[in-house]
Amino acid sequence: MPRVLRSIQLYEDKCVGQRDHVIVHKISEKTFGEILDLAITNDCNIIIKSGENGSWYVKSKDYIKTKAELDDPEQHYRKAHDCYLIEYKE
């Protein structure tokens, strides 16, 4: 059964771990809603869009550590990338 979302936070110009913990990668022909459904189904907490016409990547990483890294302006800068961090309800 899919988990319930608590929040989704967008980090612009950020990308955590280019190739690590990727569950689903290089999907370009789907909407954000379809990708979000895919992330929830696979229990992933990170969605990355690599550029305006780029691919989607769905990942699973430690939420607390990843949030701290994304909140740090010195880490994970990647121009034209959007990173969505999903928090699930326990």
PDB file of N, CA and C in Angstrom:
ATOM      1  N   MET A   1       0.843  -1.182   0.000  1.00  0.00           N
ATOM      2  CA  MET A   1       0.000   0.000   0.000  1.00  0.00           C
ATOM      3  C   MET A   1       0.887   1.244   0.000  1.00  0.00           C
ATOM      4  N   PRO A   2       0.617   2.189  -0.889  1.00  0.00           N
ATOM      5  CA  PRO A   2       1.440   3.405  -0.946  1.00  0.00           C
ATOM      6  C   PRO A   2       1.361   4.219   0.347  1.00  0.00           C
ATOM      7  N   ARG A   3       2.447   4.866   0.655  1.00  0.00           N
ATOM      8  CA  ARG A   3       2.506   5.710   1.844  1.00  0.00           C
ATOM      9  C   ARG A   3       1.810   7.044   1.587  1.00  0.00           C
ATOM     10  N   VAL A   4       1.499   7.751   2.667  1.00  0.00           N
ATOM     11  CA  VAL A   4       0.826   9.039   2.582  1.00  0.00           C
ATOM     12  C   VAL A   4       1.876  10.151   2.630  1.00  0.00           C
ATOM     13  N   LEU A   5       1.736  11.117   1.725  1.00  0.00           N
ATOM     14  CA  LEU A   5       2.677  12.238   1.680  1.00  0.00           C
ATOM     15  C   LEU A   5       2.396  13.235   2.794  1.00  0.00           C
ATOM     16  N   ARG A   6       3.450  13.743   3.388  1.00  0.00           N
ATOM     17  CA  ARG A   6       3.328  14.835   4.348  1.00  0.00           C
ATOM     18  C   ARG A   6       3.651  16.150   3.647  1.00  0.00           C
ATOM     19  N   SER A   7       4.725  16.149   2.836  1.00  0.00           N
ATOM     20  CA  SER A   7       5.102  17.380   2.137  1.00  0.00           C
ATOM     21  C   SER A   7       6.006  17.062   0.949  1.00  0.00           C
ATOM     22  N   ILE A   8       6.042  18.014   0.029  1.00  0.00           N
ATOM     23  CA  ILE A   8       6.979  17.972  -1.090  1.00  0.00           C
ATOM     24  C   ILE A   8       7.628  19.341  -1.152  1.00  0.00           C
ATOM     25  N   GLN A   9       8.954  19.374  -1.100  1.00  0.00           N
ATOM     26  CA  GLN A   9       9.675  20.639  -1.160  1.00  0.00           C
ATOM     27  C   GLN A   9      10.517  20.685  -2.425  1.00  0.00           C
ATOM     28  N   LEU A  10      10.423  21.792  -3.143  1.00  0.00           N
ATOM     29  CA  LEU A  10      11.190  21.990  -4.369  1.00  0.00           C
ATOM     30  C   LEU A  10      12.478  22.732  -4.061  1.00  0.00           C
ATOM     31  N   TYR A  11      13.586  22.200  -4.567  1.00  0.00           N
ATOM     32  CA  TYR A  11      14.884  22.864  -4.502  1.00  0.00           C
ATOM     33  C   TYR A  11      15.314  23.125  -5.945  1.00  0.00           C
ATOM     34  N   GLU A  12      15.358  24.380  -6.324  1.00  0.00           N
ATOM     35  CA  GLU A  12      15.755  24.730  -7.684  1.00  0.00           C
ATOM     36  C   GLU A  12      17.272  24.789  -7.789  1.00  0.00           C
ATOM     37  N   ASP A  13      17.780  24.404  -8.949  1.00  0.00           N
ATOM     38  CA  ASP A  13      19.220  24.376  -9.223  1.00  0.00           C
ATOM     39  C   ASP A  13      19.975  23.476  -8.249  1.00  0.00           C
ATOM     40  N   LYS A  14      19.374  22.354  -7.905  1.00  0.00           N
ATOM     41  CA  LYS A  14      19.991  21.370  -7.009  1.00  0.00           C
ATOM     42  C   LYS A  14      19.794  19.974  -7.586  1.00  0.00           C
ATOM     43  N   CYS A  15      20.773  19.107  -7.334  1.00  0.00           N
ATOM     44  CA  CYS A  15      20.687  17.710  -7.760  1.00  0.00           C
ATOM     45  C   CYS A  15      21.531  16.873  -6.801  1.00  0.00           C
ATOM     46  N   VAL A  16      20.914  15.977  -6.071  1.00  0.00           N
ATOM     47  CA  VAL A  16      21.662  15.157  -5.108  1.00  0.00           C
ATOM     48  C   VAL A  16      22.091  13.847  -5.733  1.00  0.00           C
ATOM     49  N   GLY A  17      23.384  13.589  -5.707  1.00  0.00           N
ATOM     50  CA  GLY A  17      23.915  12.319  -6.181  1.00  0.00           C
ATOM     51  C   GLY A  17      23.525  11.984  -7.604  1.00  0.00           C
ATOM     52  N   GLN A  18      24.366  12.316  -8.528  1.00  0.00           N
ATOM     53  CA  GLN A  18      24.039  12.178  -9.938  1.00  0.00           C
ATOM     54  C   GLN A  18      23.587  10.767 -10.321  1.00  0.00           C
ATOM     55  N   ARG A  19      24.237   9.748  -9.807  1.00  0.00           N
ATOM     56  CA  ARG A  19      23.908   8.394 -10.256  1.00  0.00           C
ATOM     57  C   ARG A  19      23.673   7.412  -9.105  1.00  0.00           C
ATOM     58  N   ASP A  20      23.675   7.892  -7.884  1.00  0.00           N
ATOM     59  CA  ASP A  20      23.510   6.961  -6.764  1.00  0.00           C
ATOM     60  C   ASP A  20      22.058   6.824  -6.341  1.00  0.00           C
ATOM     61  N   HIS A  21      21.702   5.673  -5.888  1.00  0.00           N
ATOM     62  CA  HIS A  21      20.371   5.359  -5.352  1.00  0.00           C
ATOM     63  C   HIS A  21      19.241   5.577  -6.358  1.00  0.00           C
ATOM     64  N   VAL A  22      19.533   5.496  -7.623  1.00  0.00           N
ATOM     65  CA  VAL A  22      18.495   5.712  -8.642  1.00  0.00           C
ATOM     66  C   VAL A  22      17.635   4.460  -8.754  1.00  0.00           C
ATOM     67  N   ILE A  23      16.344   4.645  -8.625  1.00  0.00           N
ATOM     68  CA  ILE A  23      15.404   3.543  -8.777  1.00  0.00           C
ATOM     69  C   ILE A  23      14.892   3.503 -10.223  1.00  0.00           C
ATOM     70  N   VAL A  24      14.481   4.650 -10.712  1.00  0.00           N
ATOM     71  CA  VAL A  24      13.998   4.777 -12.083  1.00  0.00           C
ATOM     72  C   VAL A  24      14.711   5.979 -12.682  1.00  0.00           C
ATOM     73  N   HIS A  25      15.227   5.853 -13.891  1.00  0.00           N
ATOM     74  CA  HIS A  25      15.960   6.976 -14.460  1.00  0.00           C
ATOM     75  C   HIS A  25      15.668   7.167 -15.944  1.00  0.00           C
ATOM     76  N   LYS A  26      16.008   8.347 -16.383  1.00  0.00           N
ATOM     77  CA  LYS A  26      15.896   8.749 -17.779  1.00  0.00           C
ATOM     78  C   LYS A  26      14.508   8.535 -18.369  1.00  0.00           C
ATOM     79  N   ILE A  27      13.534   9.094 -17.690  1.00  0.00           N
ATOM     80  CA  ILE A  27      12.167   9.093 -18.199  1.00  0.00           C
ATOM     81  C   ILE A  27      11.884  10.517 -18.642  1.00  0.00           C
ATOM     82  N   SER A  28      11.531  10.723 -19.884  1.00  0.00           N
ATOM     83  CA  SER A  28      11.324  12.094 -20.333  1.00  0.00           C
ATOM     84  C   SER A  28       9.902  12.381 -20.796  1.00  0.00           C
ATOM     85  N   GLU A  29       9.124  11.379 -21.082  1.00  0.00           N
ATOM     86  CA  GLU A  29       7.810  11.604 -21.669  1.00  0.00           C
ATOM     87  C   GLU A  29       6.666  11.534 -20.657  1.00  0.00           C
ATOM     88  N   LYS A  30       6.914  11.828 -19.407  1.00  0.00           N
ATOM     89  CA  LYS A  30       5.868  11.756 -18.388  1.00  0.00           C
ATOM     90  C   LYS A  30       5.685  13.107 -17.715  1.00  0.00           C
ATOM     91  N   THR A  31       4.498  13.300 -17.147  1.00  0.00           N
ATOM     92  CA  THR A  31       4.206  14.525 -16.408  1.00  0.00           C
ATOM     93  C   THR A  31       4.731  14.394 -14.978  1.00  0.00           C
ATOM     94  N   PHE A  32       4.774  15.511 -14.260  1.00  0.00           N
ATOM     95  CA  PHE A  32       5.193  15.466 -12.865  1.00  0.00           C
ATOM     96  C   PHE A  32       4.265  14.558 -12.060  1.00  0.00           C
ATOM     97  N   GLY A  33       2.977  14.620 -12.310  1.00  0.00           N
ATOM     98  CA  GLY A  33       2.019  13.777 -11.590  1.00  0.00           C
ATOM     99  C   GLY A  33       2.297  12.294 -11.790  1.00  0.00           C
ATOM    100  N   GLU A  34       2.619  11.907 -13.017  1.00  0.00           N
ATOM    101  CA  GLU A  34       2.947  10.505 -13.299  1.00  0.00           C
ATOM    102  C   GLU A  34       4.232  10.091 -12.593  1.00  0.00           C
ATOM    103  N   ILE A  35       5.205  10.986 -12.583  1.00  0.00           N
ATOM    104  CA  ILE A  35       6.472  10.696 -11.902  1.00  0.00           C
ATOM    105  C   ILE A  35       6.265  10.619 -10.394  1.00  0.00           C
ATOM    106  N   LEU A  36       5.418  11.503  -9.848  1.00  0.00           N
ATOM    107  CA  LEU A  36       5.122  11.458  -8.416  1.00  0.00           C
ATOM    108  C   LEU A  36       4.459  10.128  -8.054  1.00  0.00           C
ATOM    109  N   ASP A  37       3.523   9.676  -8.850  1.00  0.00           N
ATOM    110  CA  ASP A  37       2.897   8.370  -8.615  1.00  0.00           C
ATOM    111  C   ASP A  37       3.945   7.253  -8.630  1.00  0.00           C
ATOM    112  N   LEU A  38       4.864   7.331  -9.563  1.00  0.00           N
ATOM    113  CA  LEU A  38       5.940   6.343  -9.668  1.00  0.00           C
ATOM    114  C   LEU A  38       6.826   6.364  -8.421  1.00  0.00           C
ATOM    115  N   ALA A  39       7.134   7.565  -7.936  1.00  0.00           N
ATOM    116  CA  ALA A  39       7.957   7.697  -6.729  1.00  0.00           C
ATOM    117  C   ALA A  39       7.251   7.095  -5.520  1.00  0.00           C
ATOM    118  N   ILE A  40       5.973   7.391  -5.365  1.00  0.00           N
ATOM    119  CA  ILE A  40       5.213   6.862  -4.232  1.00  0.00           C
ATOM    120  C   ILE A  40       5.127   5.343  -4.312  1.00  0.00           C
ATOM    121  N   THR A  41       4.839   4.818  -5.480  1.00  0.00           N
ATOM    122  CA  THR A  41       4.726   3.371  -5.670  1.00  0.00           C
ATOM    123  C   THR A  41       6.033   2.657  -5.324  1.00  0.00           C
ATOM    124  N   ASN A  42       7.166   3.292  -5.629  1.00  0.00           N
ATOM    125  CA  ASN A  42       8.473   2.691  -5.382  1.00  0.00           C
ATOM    126  C   ASN A  42       9.091   3.143  -4.061  1.00  0.00           C
ATOM    127  N   ASP A  43       8.303   3.856  -3.228  1.00  0.00           N
ATOM    128  CA  ASP A  43       8.745   4.316  -1.917  1.00  0.00           C
ATOM    129  C   ASP A  43      10.010   5.179  -2.016  1.00  0.00           C
ATOM    130  N   CYS A  44      10.032   6.058  -3.009  1.00  0.00           N
ATOM    131  CA  CYS A  44      11.165   6.957  -3.213  1.00  0.00           C
ATOM    132  C   CYS A  44      10.837   8.338  -2.651  1.00  0.00           C
ATOM    133  N   ASN A  45      11.875   9.052  -2.224  1.00  0.00           N
ATOM    134  CA  ASN A  45      11.640  10.369  -1.632  1.00  0.00           C
ATOM    135  C   ASN A  45      12.327  11.505  -2.388  1.00  0.00           C
ATOM    136  N   ILE A  46      12.892  11.223  -3.536  1.00  0.00           N
ATOM    137  CA  ILE A  46      13.546  12.264  -4.325  1.00  0.00           C
ATOM    138  C   ILE A  46      13.136  12.119  -5.786  1.00  0.00           C
ATOM    139  N   ILE A  47      12.747  13.243  -6.366  1.00  0.00           N
ATOM    140  CA  ILE A  47      12.481  13.314  -7.801  1.00  0.00           C
ATOM    141  C   ILE A  47      13.364  14.433  -8.344  1.00  0.00           C
ATOM    142  N   ILE A  48      14.078  14.143  -9.413  1.00  0.00           N
ATOM    143  CA  ILE A  48      14.936  15.160 -10.037  1.00  0.00           C
ATOM    144  C   ILE A  48      14.546  15.316 -11.496  1.00  0.00           C
ATOM    145  N   LYS A  49      14.446  16.561 -11.916  1.00  0.00           N
ATOM    146  CA  LYS A  49      14.226  16.890 -13.332  1.00  0.00           C
ATOM    147  C   LYS A  49      15.501  17.565 -13.817  1.00  0.00           C
ATOM    148  N   SER A  50      16.158  16.948 -14.789  1.00  0.00           N
ATOM    149  CA  SER A  50      17.449  17.459 -15.264  1.00  0.00           C
ATOM    150  C   SER A  50      17.259  18.396 -16.444  1.00  0.00           C
ATOM    151  N   GLY A  51      16.963  19.649 -16.149  1.00  0.00           N
ATOM    152  CA  GLY A  51      16.782  20.649 -17.188  1.00  0.00           C
ATOM    153  C   GLY A  51      15.356  20.685 -17.702  1.00  0.00           C
ATOM    154  N   GLU A  52      15.025  21.758 -18.380  1.00  0.00           N
ATOM    155  CA  GLU A  52      13.651  21.970 -18.847  1.00  0.00           C
ATOM    156  C   GLU A  52      13.148  20.835 -19.732  1.00  0.00           C
ATOM    157  N   ASN A  53      13.968  20.364 -20.645  1.00  0.00           N
ATOM    158  CA  ASN A  53      13.575  19.273 -21.537  1.00  0.00           C
ATOM    159  C   ASN A  53      14.315  17.980 -21.219  1.00  0.00           C
ATOM    160  N   GLY A  54      14.854  17.900 -20.013  1.00  0.00           N
ATOM    161  CA  GLY A  54      15.641  16.740 -19.622  1.00  0.00           C
ATOM    162  C   GLY A  54      14.808  15.585 -19.105  1.00  0.00           C
ATOM    163  N   SER A  55      15.480  14.642 -18.509  1.00  0.00           N
ATOM    164  CA  SER A  55      14.850  13.433 -17.996  1.00  0.00           C
ATOM    165  C   SER A  55      14.493  13.570 -16.524  1.00  0.00           C
ATOM    166  N   TRP A  56      13.595  12.706 -16.084  1.00  0.00           N
ATOM    167  CA  TRP A  56      13.236  12.572 -14.684  1.00  0.00           C
ATOM    168  C   TRP A  56      14.063  11.448 -14.077  1.00  0.00           C
ATOM    169  N   TYR A  57      14.442  11.598 -12.817  1.00  0.00           N
ATOM    170  CA  TYR A  57      15.118  10.552 -12.059  1.00  0.00           C
ATOM    171  C   TYR A  57      14.374  10.406 -10.733  1.00  0.00           C
ATOM    172  N   VAL A  58      14.151   9.185 -10.303  1.00  0.00           N
ATOM    173  CA  VAL A  58      13.459   8.912  -9.048  1.00  0.00           C
ATOM    174  C   VAL A  58      14.435   8.148  -8.159  1.00  0.00           C
ATOM    175  N   LYS A  59      14.618   8.643  -6.914  1.00  0.00           N
ATOM    176  CA  LYS A  59      15.630   8.080  -6.023  1.00  0.00           C
ATOM    177  C   LYS A  59      15.087   7.890  -4.617  1.00  0.00           C
ATOM    178  N   SER A  60      15.823   7.109  -3.863  1.00  0.00           N
ATOM    179  CA  SER A  60      15.523   6.917  -2.453  1.00  0.00           C
ATOM    180  C   SER A  60      16.810   7.123  -1.654  1.00  0.00           C
ATOM    181  N   LYS A  61      16.780   8.105  -0.750  1.00  0.00           N
ATOM    182  CA  LYS A  61      17.946   8.411   0.093  1.00  0.00           C
ATOM    183  C   LYS A  61      17.447   8.791   1.483  1.00  0.00           C
ATOM    184  N   ASP A  62      18.351   8.820   2.436  1.00  0.00           N
ATOM    185  CA  ASP A  62      18.005   9.207   3.801  1.00  0.00           C
ATOM    186  C   ASP A  62      17.436  10.625   3.806  1.00  0.00           C
ATOM    187  N   TYR A  63      16.213  10.770   4.314  1.00  0.00           N
ATOM    188  CA  TYR A  63      15.509  12.048   4.247  1.00  0.00           C
ATOM    189  C   TYR A  63      16.224  13.145   5.037  1.00  0.00           C
ATOM    190  N   ILE A  64      16.562  12.894   6.282  1.00  0.00           N
ATOM    191  CA  ILE A  64      17.142  13.929   7.149  1.00  0.00           C
ATOM    192  C   ILE A  64      18.487  14.412   6.611  1.00  0.00           C
ATOM    193  N   LYS A  65      19.346  13.493   6.236  1.00  0.00           N
ATOM    194  CA  LYS A  65      20.661  13.856   5.693  1.00  0.00           C
ATOM    195  C   LYS A  65      20.510  14.626   4.368  1.00  0.00           C
ATOM    196  N   THR A  66      19.637  14.145   3.513  1.00  0.00           N
ATOM    197  CA  THR A  66      19.440  14.787   2.210  1.00  0.00           C
ATOM    198  C   THR A  66      18.870  16.188   2.363  1.00  0.00           C
ATOM    199  N   LYS A  67      17.907  16.370   3.262  1.00  0.00           N
ATOM    200  CA  LYS A  67      17.333  17.698   3.499  1.00  0.00           C
ATOM    201  C   LYS A  67      18.398  18.666   3.987  1.00  0.00           C
ATOM    202  N   ALA A  68      19.242  18.223   4.916  1.00  0.00           N
ATOM    203  CA  ALA A  68      20.319  19.084   5.419  1.00  0.00           C
ATOM    204  C   ALA A  68      21.269  19.487   4.297  1.00  0.00           C
ATOM    205  N   GLU A  69      21.600  18.545   3.429  1.00  0.00           N
ATOM    206  CA  GLU A  69      22.488  18.849   2.301  1.00  0.00           C
ATOM    207  C   GLU A  69      21.836  19.822   1.328  1.00  0.00           C
ATOM    208  N   LEU A  70      20.554  19.622   1.033  1.00  0.00           N
ATOM    209  CA  LEU A  70      19.861  20.514   0.100  1.00  0.00           C
ATOM    210  C   LEU A  70      19.662  21.910   0.678  1.00  0.00           C
ATOM    211  N   ASP A  71      19.495  22.002   1.992  1.00  0.00           N
ATOM    212  CA  ASP A  71      19.338  23.310   2.642  1.00  0.00           C
ATOM    213  C   ASP A  71      20.650  24.091   2.684  1.00  0.00           C
ATOM    214  N   ASP A  72      21.775  23.409   2.502  1.00  0.00           N
ATOM    215  CA  ASP A  72      23.092  24.054   2.499  1.00  0.00           C
ATOM    216  C   ASP A  72      23.339  24.663   1.112  1.00  0.00           C
ATOM    217  N   PRO A  73      23.444  25.992   1.015  1.00  0.00           N
ATOM    218  CA  PRO A  73      23.616  26.618  -0.302  1.00  0.00           C
ATOM    219  C   PRO A  73      24.927  26.252  -1.004  1.00  0.00           C
ATOM    220  N   GLU A  74      25.873  25.703  -0.272  1.00  0.00           N
ATOM    221  CA  GLU A  74      27.170  25.343  -0.849  1.00  0.00           C
ATOM    222  C   GLU A  74      27.176  23.943  -1.471  1.00  0.00           C
ATOM    223  N   GLN A  75      26.147  23.151  -1.225  1.00  0.00           N
ATOM    224  CA  GLN A  75      26.163  21.763  -1.701  1.00  0.00           C
ATOM    225  C   GLN A  75      25.161  21.520  -2.827  1.00  0.00           C
ATOM    226  N   HIS A  76      25.535  20.629  -3.692  1.00  0.00           N
ATOM    227  CA  HIS A  76      24.659  20.068  -4.733  1.00  0.00           C
ATOM    228  C   HIS A  76      24.120  21.072  -5.753  1.00  0.00           C
ATOM    229  N   TYR A  77      24.835  22.163  -6.004  1.00  0.00           N
ATOM    230  CA  TYR A  77      24.382  23.100  -7.040  1.00  0.00           C
ATOM    231  C   TYR A  77      24.462  22.409  -8.400  1.00  0.00           C
ATOM    232  N   ARG A  78      23.407  22.521  -9.147  1.00  0.00           N
ATOM    233  CA  ARG A  78      23.376  21.988 -10.509  1.00  0.00           C
ATOM    234  C   ARG A  78      22.401  22.837 -11.313  1.00  0.00           C
ATOM    235  N   LYS A  79      22.955  23.681 -12.155  1.00  0.00           N
ATOM    236  CA  LYS A  79      22.145  24.629 -12.918  1.00  0.00           C
ATOM    237  C   LYS A  79      21.042  23.912 -13.708  1.00  0.00           C
ATOM    238  N   ALA A  80      19.860  24.509 -13.679  1.00  0.00           N
ATOM    239  CA  ALA A  80      18.687  24.067 -14.446  1.00  0.00           C
ATOM    240  C   ALA A  80      18.119  22.720 -13.999  1.00  0.00           C
ATOM    241  N   HIS A  81      18.487  22.261 -12.819  1.00  0.00           N
ATOM    242  CA  HIS A  81      17.918  21.026 -12.272  1.00  0.00           C
ATOM    243  C   HIS A  81      16.932  21.387 -11.162  1.00  0.00           C
ATOM    244  N   ASP A  82      15.864  20.645 -11.087  1.00  0.00           N
ATOM    245  CA  ASP A  82      14.906  20.781  -9.992  1.00  0.00           C
ATOM    246  C   ASP A  82      14.918  19.494  -9.191  1.00  0.00           C
ATOM    247  N   CYS A  83      14.983  19.629  -7.878  1.00  0.00           N
ATOM    248  CA  CYS A  83      14.984  18.479  -6.989  1.00  0.00           C
ATOM    249  C   CYS A  83      13.788  18.599  -6.050  1.00  0.00           C
ATOM    250  N   TYR A  84      12.945  17.607  -6.055  1.00  0.00           N
ATOM    251  CA  TYR A  84      11.772  17.572  -5.175  1.00  0.00           C
ATOM    252  C   TYR A  84      12.066  16.563  -4.067  1.00  0.00           C
ATOM    253  N   LEU A  85      11.992  17.029  -2.823  1.00  0.00           N
ATOM    254  CA  LEU A  85      12.215  16.158  -1.676  1.00  0.00           C
ATOM    255  C   LEU A  85      10.868  15.847  -1.041  1.00  0.00           C
ATOM    256  N   ILE A  86      10.550  14.578  -0.980  1.00  0.00           N
ATOM    257  CA  ILE A  86       9.253  14.118  -0.481  1.00  0.00           C
ATOM    258  C   ILE A  86       9.408  13.627   0.965  1.00  0.00           C
ATOM    259  N   GLU A  87       8.512  14.098   1.813  1.00  0.00           N
ATOM    260  CA  GLU A  87       8.451  13.595   3.182  1.00  0.00           C
ATOM    261  C   GLU A  87       7.153  12.801   3.318  1.00  0.00           C
ATOM    262  N   TYR A  88       7.285  11.590   3.813  1.00  0.00           N
ATOM    263  CA  TYR A  88       6.112  10.736   4.009  1.00  0.00           C
ATOM    264  C   TYR A  88       5.639  10.788   5.442  1.00  0.00           C
ATOM    265  N   LYS A  89       4.353  10.606   5.629  1.00  0.00           N
ATOM    266  CA  LYS A  89       3.768  10.512   6.957  1.00  0.00           C
ATOM    267  C   LYS A  89       4.113   9.144   7.537  1.00  0.00           C
ATOM    268  N   GLU A  90       4.507   9.130   8.786  1.00  0.00           N
ATOM    269  CA  GLU A  90       4.871   7.851   9.427  1.00  0.00           C
ATOM    270  C   GLU A  90       3.641   7.065   9.782  1.00  0.00           C
TER     271      GLU A  90
END
